[in-house]
Protein backbone atom coordinates (compact mmCIF):
# COMPACT_ATOMS: atom_id res chain seq x y z
CA MET A 1 -0.11 -0.18 0.23
CA GLU A 2 2.83 2.26 -0.38
CA ASN A 3 1.24 3.86 -3.60
CA GLU A 4 -1.96 5.13 -1.66
CA THR A 5 -2.98 8.50 -1.84
CA PRO A 6 -4.59 10.23 0.87
CA GLU A 7 -8.00 10.80 -1.20
CA THR A 8 -7.91 6.88 -1.25
CA LYS A 9 -7.39 6.30 2.08
CA GLU A 10 -10.36 9.30 3.05
CA THR A 11 -12.60 7.06 0.27
CA GLN A 12 -11.96 3.75 2.22
CA ASN A 13 -12.26 5.07 5.35
CA THR A 14 -15.69 6.17 4.50
CA ALA A 15 -18.47 4.83 6.69
CA PRO A 16 -21.29 3.37 4.96
CA GLU A 17 -23.68 5.83 6.56
CA ASP A 18 -22.16 8.43 4.84
CA LEU A 19 -22.45 6.46 1.43
CA GLU A 20 -25.92 6.61 2.07
CA ALA A 21 -26.52 9.58 2.40
CA ILE A 22 -24.17 10.99 -0.60
CA ALA A 23 -26.33 8.36 -2.57
CA ALA A 24 -29.51 10.06 -1.25
CA GLN A 25 -28.19 13.70 -1.69
CA LEU A 26 -27.35 12.51 -5.91
CA GLU A 27 -30.54 10.84 -6.07
CA GLU A 28 -32.42 14.21 -5.04
CA GLU A 29 -29.94 16.08 -7.34
CA LYS A 30 -30.83 13.55 -10.28
CA LYS A 31 -34.54 14.14 -9.46
CA ALA A 32 -33.79 18.36 -9.12
CA LYS A 33 -32.05 17.73 -12.59
CA ALA A 34 -34.73 16.13 -14.46
CA ALA A 35 -37.62 18.25 -12.79
CA ALA A 36 -35.56 21.42 -13.95
CA GLU A 37 -35.07 19.90 -17.74
CA VAL A 38 -39.34 19.08 -17.72
CA SER A 39 -39.75 22.46 -16.86
CA LEU A 40 -36.92 24.20 -19.66
CA ALA A 41 -38.87 21.96 -22.12
CA GLU A 42 -42.48 23.30 -20.97
CA LYS A 43 -40.94 27.11 -20.97
CA ASP A 44 -39.73 26.32 -24.67
CA ALA A 45 -43.41 24.64 -25.74
CA ARG A 46 -44.91 27.52 -24.35
CA ILE A 47 -42.47 30.13 -26.06
CA ALA A 48 -43.58 28.57 -29.35
CA GLU A 49 -46.60 28.47 -28.69
CA LEU A 50 -46.64 32.47 -28.10
CA GLU A 51 -44.35 33.25 -30.89
CA ALA A 52 -47.08 31.53 -32.99
CA THR A 53 -49.79 33.66 -31.67
CA ALA A 54 -47.70 36.77 -31.67
CA ALA A 55 -47.36 35.68 -36.19
CA GLU A 56 -50.96 35.13 -35.90
CA LEU A 57 -51.45 38.35 -34.06
CA SER A 58 -49.60 40.41 -36.23
CA GLN A 59 -51.43 38.84 -39.88
CA VAL A 60 -54.82 40.07 -38.06
CA GLN A 61 -53.20 43.35 -37.28
CA GLU A 62 -52.45 43.70 -40.96
CA ALA A 63 -55.99 42.37 -42.15
CA ARG A 64 -57.50 44.92 -40.23
CA ASP A 65 -55.36 47.74 -41.59
CA GLN A 66 -56.03 46.31 -44.82
CA ALA A 67 -59.90 46.59 -43.85
CA VAL A 68 -59.51 50.27 -42.10
CA ALA A 69 -58.16 51.26 -45.48
CA LYS A 70 -60.67 49.94 -47.47
CA TYR A 71 -63.84 51.30 -45.24
CA LEU A 72 -61.67 54.52 -45.50
CA ASP A 73 -61.82 54.64 -49.44
CA ALA A 74 -65.24 53.75 -49.74
CA VAL A 75 -66.33 56.25 -46.75
CA ARG A 76 -64.76 59.03 -48.80
CA ALA A 77 -66.54 57.48 -52.16
CA LEU A 78 -69.93 57.77 -50.51
CA ASN A 79 -69.23 61.66 -49.39
CA PRO A 80 -67.71 63.42 -52.11
CA THR A 81 -69.04 66.78 -51.30
CA ILE A 82 -67.00 66.20 -48.66
CA PRO A 83 -62.97 67.16 -49.33
CA ARG A 84 -60.98 63.84 -48.90
CA ASP A 85 -58.40 65.35 -46.10
CA ILE A 86 -61.13 65.71 -43.88
CA ILE A 87 -62.37 62.11 -44.11
CA ALA A 88 -59.40 60.20 -41.75
CA GLY A 89 -58.62 57.77 -39.03
CA GLU A 90 -57.09 54.73 -37.78
CA THR A 91 -60.60 53.16 -36.86
CA ILE A 92 -64.09 52.50 -37.96
CA GLU A 93 -65.00 54.76 -35.22
CA GLU A 94 -62.46 57.49 -35.90
CA ILE A 95 -63.74 57.48 -39.53
CA ASP A 96 -67.21 57.31 -39.13
CA ALA A 97 -66.64 60.71 -36.10
CA SER A 98 -64.53 62.37 -38.76
CA VAL A 99 -67.72 62.02 -41.16
CA GLU A 100 -69.99 63.37 -38.95
CA LYS A 101 -68.41 66.04 -37.95
CA ALA A 102 -67.74 66.99 -41.94
CA ARG A 103 -71.42 66.59 -42.61
CA THR A 104 -71.97 69.02 -39.24
CA ILE A 105 -69.68 71.63 -40.46
CA ALA A 106 -70.81 70.80 -44.21
CA ASP A 107 -74.24 71.61 -42.97
CA ALA A 108 -73.45 74.52 -41.11
CA VAL A 109 -71.62 76.03 -44.48
CA ARG A 110 -74.25 75.40 -46.39
CA ALA A 111 -77.37 76.57 -44.44
CA ASN A 112 -74.93 80.14 -43.63
CA LEU A 113 -74.37 80.44 -47.78
CA GLU A 114 -78.10 79.94 -48.49
CA ALA A 115 -78.81 82.55 -45.82
CA GLN A 116 -76.74 85.28 -47.74
CA ALA A 117 -77.84 84.34 -50.93
CA ARG A 118 -81.78 84.85 -49.29
CA GLU A 119 -80.36 88.34 -48.51
CA VAL A 120 -78.95 89.21 -51.83
CA ARG A 121 -81.99 87.92 -53.55
CA VAL A 122 -82.20 89.59 -57.07
CA PRO A 123 -86.32 90.36 -57.96
CA THR A 124 -87.90 88.60 -60.89
CA GLY A 125 -89.49 90.30 -63.95
CA ALA A 126 -87.61 92.94 -65.51
CA PRO A 127 -85.60 95.80 -63.41
CA THR A 128 -86.91 99.48 -62.92
CA ARG A 129 -85.75 101.95 -65.45
CA GLY A 130 -83.95 104.65 -63.55
CA SER A 131 -82.44 107.83 -64.52
CA ILE A 132 -79.26 107.34 -66.95
CA SER A 133 -76.27 108.84 -65.38
CA LEU A 134 -74.99 112.14 -66.88
CA GLU A 135 -71.79 111.90 -65.26
CA GLY A 136 -68.16 111.54 -67.59
CA LEU A 137 -70.69 112.04 -70.55
CA SER A 138 -69.78 114.83 -73.14
CA PRO A 139 -72.11 117.99 -73.37
CA ARG A 140 -72.85 116.14 -77.13
CA GLU A 141 -73.66 113.12 -75.16
CA LYS A 142 -75.94 114.76 -72.97
CA ILE A 143 -77.77 116.71 -75.37
CA ALA A 144 -78.67 113.33 -77.60
CA ALA A 145 -79.23 111.50 -73.94
CA GLY A 146 -82.11 114.36 -73.39
CA ILE A 147 -83.34 114.56 -76.76
CA GLN A 148 -83.31 110.59 -76.49
CA GLN A 149 -85.85 110.60 -73.48
CA LYS A 150 -88.60 112.91 -74.65
CA GLY A 151 -88.95 111.17 -77.34
CA GLY A 152 -87.22 112.58 -79.90
CA THR A 153 -84.58 111.03 -82.23
CA SER A 154 -81.18 111.79 -82.58
């Protein structure tokens, strides 16, 4: 036993009780490792599931954006009297609200213009004859105008 090292002597001097404790501890660590591996596998599966859901959600978002853009174009086409820039929005609700606001503004402007048109109404029929303005006429033109008014010839 000349080749024995201190470690070999220590292993040989280990009591059977200590070996059982080490074996039990090793078994517990194996179980903990297996549980950690299962947990990691479950987390990997959950991550893959979430990534798939995120990709699906991205596709749904893109489809929604396209549908909103088509709706915006349709609403603009159905309201040709409202300027295109006034009808806007990122959602259907925002577009509908902008249309209502634009209609309210258009109705107010229309009512205002109609009121102004009523104030400046031209009477029907021929206008009454007024006297001819003689301003700016030469004396010869003034005499000709006076003779014409009295039924003479010029």
